[in-house]
Protein backbone atom coordinates (compact mmCIF):
# COMPACT_ATOMS: atom_id res chain seq x y z
CA UNK A 1 -23.41 -77.49 30.07
CA UNK A 2 -20.73 -75.12 31.29
CA UNK A 3 -18.65 -72.88 29.09
CA UNK A 4 -15.17 -74.37 28.57
CA UNK A 5 -13.55 -70.94 28.40
CA UNK A 6 -14.91 -69.76 31.75
CA UNK A 7 -11.53 -69.03 33.37
CA UNK A 8 -10.85 -66.70 36.26
CA UNK A 9 -8.38 -63.93 35.51
CA UNK A 10 -5.30 -64.05 37.69
CA UNK A 11 -3.18 -60.91 38.15
CA UNK A 12 0.37 -61.37 39.15
CA UNK A 13 1.97 -58.41 40.78
CA UNK A 14 5.72 -57.96 40.23
CA UNK A 15 8.36 -55.58 39.11
CA UNK A 16 7.28 -53.37 36.26
CA UNK A 17 9.49 -52.72 33.32
CA UNK A 18 11.96 -49.95 33.83
CA UNK A 19 10.89 -46.60 32.42
CA UNK A 20 12.44 -45.44 29.14
CA UNK A 21 15.10 -42.90 29.57
CA UNK A 22 14.23 -39.66 27.88
CA UNK A 23 17.09 -37.57 26.60
CA UNK A 24 16.94 -33.84 26.72
CA UNK A 25 18.00 -33.67 23.05
CA UNK A 26 15.75 -35.74 20.72
CA UNK A 27 18.40 -35.49 18.00
CA UNK A 28 21.16 -36.94 20.17
CA UNK A 29 23.29 -39.59 18.43
CA UNK A 30 24.73 -42.49 20.38
CA UNK A 31 28.50 -42.84 19.99
CA UNK A 32 29.86 -45.99 18.56
CA UNK A 33 32.02 -47.74 21.15
CA UNK A 34 34.33 -49.17 18.40
CA UNK A 35 34.95 -45.71 16.92
CA UNK A 36 38.64 -44.99 16.39
CA UNK A 37 39.69 -41.38 16.18
CA UNK A 38 41.54 -41.11 12.93
CA UNK A 39 43.42 -38.00 14.05
CA UNK A 40 44.92 -39.90 16.97
CA UNK A 41 46.06 -42.69 14.58
CA UNK A 42 47.69 -40.16 12.28
CA UNK A 43 49.44 -38.42 15.18
CA UNK A 44 50.72 -41.75 16.55
CA UNK A 45 51.98 -42.88 13.15
CA UNK A 46 53.64 -39.54 12.69
CA UNK A 47 55.33 -39.89 16.03
CA UNK A 48 56.55 -43.41 15.20
CA UNK A 49 57.96 -42.11 11.85
CA UNK A 50 59.73 -39.22 13.60
CA UNK A 51 61.30 -41.60 16.18
CA UNK A 52 59.62 -40.06 19.24
CA UNK A 53 57.84 -43.37 19.92
CA UNK A 54 59.72 -46.55 19.25
CA UNK A 55 58.23 -50.06 18.89
CA UNK A 56 59.62 -52.95 20.94
CA UNK A 57 61.91 -55.25 18.98
CA UNK A 58 60.70 -58.62 17.61
CA UNK A 59 62.11 -61.88 18.90
CA UNK A 60 65.42 -62.85 17.37
CA UNK A 61 65.01 -65.14 14.37
CA UNK A 62 67.76 -67.53 15.65
CA UNK A 63 65.93 -68.03 18.93
CA UNK A 64 62.58 -68.56 17.20
CA UNK A 65 64.19 -71.07 14.83
CA UNK A 66 65.90 -72.91 17.62
CA UNK A 67 62.55 -73.16 19.54
CA UNK A 68 60.90 -74.58 16.39
CA UNK A 69 63.61 -77.14 15.93
CA UNK A 70 63.53 -78.24 19.54
CA UNK A 71 59.75 -78.67 19.49
CA UNK A 72 59.93 -80.79 16.30
CA UNK A 73 62.73 -82.92 17.75
CA UNK A 74 60.74 -83.45 21.02
CA UNK A 75 58.72 -86.71 20.79
CA UNK A 76 55.45 -87.57 22.53
CA UNK A 77 55.30 -91.25 21.87
CA UNK A 78 55.91 -91.60 18.21
CA UNK A 79 54.60 -88.15 17.20
CA UNK A 80 56.23 -84.75 17.54
CA UNK A 81 54.92 -82.41 20.10
CA UNK A 82 52.26 -80.02 18.84
CA UNK A 83 52.05 -76.31 19.54
CA UNK A 84 49.01 -76.98 21.74
CA UNK A 85 50.89 -79.67 23.70
CA UNK A 86 53.90 -77.36 24.09
CA UNK A 87 51.61 -74.51 25.33
CA UNK A 88 50.06 -76.70 27.97
CA UNK A 89 53.50 -77.98 28.98
CA UNK A 90 54.78 -74.43 29.23
CA UNK A 91 51.85 -73.50 31.48
CA UNK A 92 52.62 -76.47 33.74
CA UNK A 93 56.23 -75.45 33.96
CA UNK A 94 55.63 -71.87 35.21
CA UNK A 95 54.22 -70.00 32.31
CA UNK A 96 51.01 -68.10 32.64
CA UNK A 97 48.55 -67.80 29.75
CA UNK A 98 50.76 -69.37 27.10
CA UNK A 99 48.50 -70.21 24.19
CA UNK A 100 49.11 -72.15 20.91
CA UNK A 101 48.92 -68.82 19.06
CA UNK A 102 51.78 -67.52 21.24
CA UNK A 103 53.79 -70.55 20.32
CA UNK A 104 53.03 -69.93 16.66
CA UNK A 105 54.07 -66.28 16.97
CA UNK A 106 57.24 -67.25 18.73
CA UNK A 107 58.20 -69.79 16.10
CA UNK A 108 57.41 -67.43 13.19
CA UNK A 109 59.30 -64.53 14.89
CA UNK A 110 56.26 -62.23 15.00
CA UNK A 111 56.19 -61.57 18.70
CA UNK A 112 57.26 -58.31 20.41
CA UNK A 113 59.60 -58.53 23.40
CA UNK A 114 57.31 -57.14 26.08
CA UNK A 115 57.85 -58.21 29.69
CA UNK A 116 54.84 -60.62 29.52
CA UNK A 117 56.10 -62.15 26.20
CA UNK A 118 59.61 -62.52 27.65
CA UNK A 119 58.15 -64.62 30.47
CA UNK A 120 56.24 -66.77 27.97
CA UNK A 121 59.40 -67.30 25.94
CA UNK A 122 61.28 -68.38 29.10
CA UNK A 123 58.45 -70.74 30.00
CA UNK A 124 58.62 -72.29 26.50
CA UNK A 125 62.40 -72.64 26.78
CA UNK A 126 61.94 -74.30 30.18
CA UNK A 127 59.33 -76.72 28.75
CA UNK A 128 61.82 -77.58 25.99
CA UNK A 129 64.71 -77.97 28.40
CA UNK A 130 66.64 -75.22 26.61
CA UNK A 131 68.89 -72.70 28.31
C-alpha cells in the first residue's frame, strides 16, 4: 500500500517580497499626516481677528428663505420636491456637483459665497425657475 501523503514538492518562482526599508536613524518617528500645526492655527485666527484676512460673506437670509419657500411650493406629483430631487434637477440644469448637503446649507444660510457656491446657487435658482 502506498503512502497517502507522498506528494511531490512544487516550487513556484515569482516575485519576492520587497525588502524592508532601513532608516538611518532607528529612533525616527513617522509624522502623522493629519497633524495640524497649532501655531499656524493661532496665527491665522489672530490675523482674522486683526482684520488682515477676511472671511467670505454668508448667503443672504432672504435669498435662502425664498429658495426654501420655492422648493416647498414646487410639486412632484402630490409631494413636494425633496432636497435630493432639487440637487439632481440643478445638476441637470447646468450645475456641477450640487449635492443635497449644498441645498441644505443654502436653505439654512450657512454657505459662503465663493465662486463655486455662487454657481451652485444660480443652478438651484434656475432649477426652481427663479430669477
